[in-house]
């Protein structure tokens, strides 16, 4: 029990850095201020299109 495990400290340090780094990254992304314009829909494609409607949905669900 008196023996210290160096691996435990490195895991704890990683978790501390991850816990503080993620909110900082989110703030940087949120304050960047650039917004991409929605592309014109390709009616020939059967895939989901990047339109203002889908952008509004993604904004409402915070993807």
N, C-alpha and C. Protein backbone atom coordinates (compact mmCIF):
# COMPACT_ATOMS: atom_id res chain seq x y z
N UNK A 1 0.80 -1.20 0.00
CA UNK A 1 0.00 0.00 0.00
C UNK A 1 0.84 1.26 0.00
N UNK A 2 2.08 1.17 0.49
CA UNK A 2 2.91 2.37 0.53
C UNK A 2 3.53 2.66 -0.83
N UNK A 3 3.46 1.73 -1.75
CA UNK A 3 4.05 1.92 -3.07
C UNK A 3 3.09 2.75 -3.94
N UNK A 4 3.61 3.81 -4.52
CA UNK A 4 2.78 4.68 -5.36
C UNK A 4 2.87 4.21 -6.81
N UNK A 5 1.73 4.23 -7.46
CA UNK A 5 1.66 3.82 -8.86
C UNK A 5 1.73 5.07 -9.73
N UNK A 6 2.78 5.19 -10.53
CA UNK A 6 2.95 6.36 -11.39
C UNK A 6 1.88 6.40 -12.47
N UNK A 7 1.40 5.25 -12.90
CA UNK A 7 0.35 5.21 -13.91
C UNK A 7 -0.94 5.84 -13.42
N UNK A 8 -1.24 5.71 -12.15
CA UNK A 8 -2.46 6.30 -11.61
C UNK A 8 -2.38 7.82 -11.65
N UNK A 9 -1.23 8.38 -11.37
CA UNK A 9 -1.08 9.83 -11.43
C UNK A 9 -1.21 10.34 -12.86
N UNK A 10 -0.65 9.63 -13.80
CA UNK A 10 -0.74 10.11 -15.17
C UNK A 10 -2.17 10.04 -15.68
N UNK A 11 -2.93 9.03 -15.25
CA UNK A 11 -4.34 8.96 -15.65
C UNK A 11 -5.12 10.09 -15.03
N UNK A 12 -4.84 10.39 -13.78
CA UNK A 12 -5.54 11.49 -13.11
C UNK A 12 -5.20 12.82 -13.77
N UNK A 13 -3.94 13.01 -14.10
CA UNK A 13 -3.54 14.24 -14.77
C UNK A 13 -4.22 14.37 -16.13
N UNK A 14 -4.32 13.25 -16.86
CA UNK A 14 -5.00 13.28 -18.15
C UNK A 14 -6.46 13.67 -17.98
N UNK A 15 -7.14 13.09 -16.99
CA UNK A 15 -8.55 13.41 -16.78
C UNK A 15 -8.74 14.86 -16.36
N UNK A 16 -7.82 15.38 -15.56
CA UNK A 16 -7.91 16.80 -15.18
C UNK A 16 -7.76 17.70 -16.40
N UNK A 17 -6.80 17.39 -17.26
CA UNK A 17 -6.59 18.19 -18.46
C UNK A 17 -7.76 18.06 -19.43
N UNK A 18 -8.31 16.86 -19.54
CA UNK A 18 -9.45 16.66 -20.44
C UNK A 18 -10.67 17.41 -19.93
N UNK A 19 -10.85 17.43 -18.62
CA UNK A 19 -12.01 18.11 -18.05
C UNK A 19 -11.92 19.62 -18.23
N UNK A 20 -10.72 20.18 -18.20
CA UNK A 20 -10.59 21.62 -18.38
C UNK A 20 -10.41 22.01 -19.84
N UNK A 21 -9.89 21.11 -20.65
CA UNK A 21 -9.64 21.43 -22.05
C UNK A 21 -10.89 21.42 -22.91
N UNK A 22 -11.82 20.52 -22.64
CA UNK A 22 -13.03 20.41 -23.47
C UNK A 22 -13.89 21.67 -23.42
N UNK A 23 -14.18 22.22 -22.24
CA UNK A 23 -14.97 23.46 -22.23
C UNK A 23 -14.25 24.62 -22.91
N UNK A 24 -12.95 24.69 -22.80
CA UNK A 24 -12.22 25.76 -23.47
C UNK A 24 -12.31 25.62 -24.98
N UNK A 25 -12.24 24.40 -25.48
CA UNK A 25 -12.38 24.19 -26.92
C UNK A 25 -13.78 24.55 -27.39
N UNK A 26 -14.78 24.25 -26.58
CA UNK A 26 -16.16 24.60 -26.94
C UNK A 26 -16.35 26.11 -26.99
N UNK A 27 -15.71 26.83 -26.09
CA UNK A 27 -15.82 28.29 -26.08
C UNK A 27 -15.16 28.87 -27.33
N UNK A 28 -14.03 28.33 -27.71
CA UNK A 28 -13.33 28.83 -28.90
C UNK A 28 -14.18 28.60 -30.15
N UNK A 29 -14.79 27.44 -30.25
CA UNK A 29 -15.63 27.15 -31.41
C UNK A 29 -16.87 28.03 -31.41
N UNK A 30 -17.47 28.24 -30.25
CA UNK A 30 -18.70 29.04 -30.16
C UNK A 30 -18.44 30.51 -30.47
N UNK A 31 -17.27 31.01 -30.15
CA UNK A 31 -17.00 32.43 -30.35
C UNK A 31 -16.28 32.73 -31.66
N UNK A 32 -16.10 31.72 -32.50
CA UNK A 32 -15.38 31.96 -33.75
C UNK A 32 -16.17 32.89 -34.67
N UNK A 33 -17.51 32.83 -34.64
CA UNK A 33 -18.33 33.78 -35.36
C UNK A 33 -18.50 33.50 -36.84
N UNK A 34 -17.84 32.50 -37.37
CA UNK A 34 -18.02 32.21 -38.79
C UNK A 34 -19.09 31.15 -38.96
N UNK A 35 -19.96 31.38 -39.93
CA UNK A 35 -21.03 30.42 -40.18
C UNK A 35 -21.03 30.10 -41.67
N UNK A 36 -21.07 28.84 -41.98
CA UNK A 36 -21.08 28.43 -43.38
C UNK A 36 -22.48 28.55 -43.94
N UNK A 37 -22.56 28.95 -45.19
CA UNK A 37 -23.86 29.07 -45.85
C UNK A 37 -24.31 27.70 -46.33
N UNK A 38 -25.61 27.48 -46.32
CA UNK A 38 -26.16 26.21 -46.79
C UNK A 38 -26.01 26.13 -48.30
N UNK A 39 -25.70 24.94 -48.78
CA UNK A 39 -25.53 24.74 -50.21
C UNK A 39 -26.88 24.59 -50.89
N UNK A 40 -26.90 24.86 -52.19
CA UNK A 40 -28.12 24.65 -52.96
C UNK A 40 -28.41 23.15 -53.03
N UNK A 41 -29.66 22.74 -52.82
CA UNK A 41 -29.96 21.30 -52.81
C UNK A 41 -29.83 20.68 -54.20
N UNK A 42 -29.28 19.49 -54.24
CA UNK A 42 -29.16 18.72 -55.48
C UNK A 42 -30.37 17.79 -55.54
N UNK A 43 -31.33 18.11 -56.36
CA UNK A 43 -32.57 17.36 -56.40
C UNK A 43 -32.40 15.97 -57.00
N UNK A 44 -31.32 15.72 -57.72
CA UNK A 44 -31.09 14.41 -58.31
C UNK A 44 -30.53 13.41 -57.29
N UNK A 45 -30.02 13.89 -56.19
CA UNK A 45 -29.41 13.02 -55.19
C UNK A 45 -30.48 12.48 -54.24
N UNK A 46 -30.28 11.24 -53.77
CA UNK A 46 -31.21 10.65 -52.82
C UNK A 46 -30.69 10.76 -51.38
N UNK A 47 -29.58 11.44 -51.18
CA UNK A 47 -29.01 11.64 -49.86
C UNK A 47 -29.60 12.88 -49.21
N UNK A 48 -29.42 12.99 -47.90
CA UNK A 48 -29.90 14.16 -47.17
C UNK A 48 -29.13 15.40 -47.63
N UNK A 49 -29.85 16.47 -47.87
CA UNK A 49 -29.25 17.68 -48.42
C UNK A 49 -28.92 18.67 -47.30
N UNK A 50 -27.90 19.49 -47.54
CA UNK A 50 -27.51 20.54 -46.61
C UNK A 50 -28.29 21.81 -46.99
N UNK A 51 -29.44 21.98 -46.36
CA UNK A 51 -30.30 23.13 -46.65
C UNK A 51 -30.51 23.94 -45.38
N UNK A 52 -31.18 25.05 -45.51
CA UNK A 52 -31.48 25.88 -44.34
C UNK A 52 -32.35 25.11 -43.35
N UNK A 53 -33.23 24.25 -43.86
CA UNK A 53 -34.09 23.45 -42.99
C UNK A 53 -33.27 22.47 -42.15
N UNK A 54 -32.32 21.77 -42.78
CA UNK A 54 -31.49 20.83 -42.02
C UNK A 54 -30.55 21.57 -41.08
N UNK A 55 -30.06 22.74 -41.47
CA UNK A 55 -29.23 23.54 -40.57
C UNK A 55 -30.02 23.96 -39.34
N UNK A 56 -31.28 24.36 -39.53
CA UNK A 56 -32.11 24.75 -38.40
C UNK A 56 -32.34 23.57 -37.47
N UNK A 57 -32.52 22.39 -38.04
CA UNK A 57 -32.70 21.19 -37.21
C UNK A 57 -31.43 20.91 -36.40
N UNK A 58 -30.28 20.95 -37.05
CA UNK A 58 -29.03 20.70 -36.35
C UNK A 58 -28.78 21.75 -35.27
N UNK A 59 -29.14 23.00 -35.53
CA UNK A 59 -28.98 24.04 -34.52
C UNK A 59 -29.89 23.79 -33.33
N UNK A 60 -31.09 23.27 -33.59
CA UNK A 60 -32.03 23.03 -32.49
C UNK A 60 -31.60 21.84 -31.64
N UNK A 61 -30.89 20.88 -32.24
CA UNK A 61 -30.44 19.71 -31.49
C UNK A 61 -29.00 19.84 -31.04
N UNK A 62 -28.33 20.92 -31.42
CA UNK A 62 -26.95 21.23 -31.04
C UNK A 62 -25.95 20.17 -31.48
N UNK A 63 -26.05 19.74 -32.74
CA UNK A 63 -25.06 18.83 -33.30
C UNK A 63 -23.88 19.60 -33.80
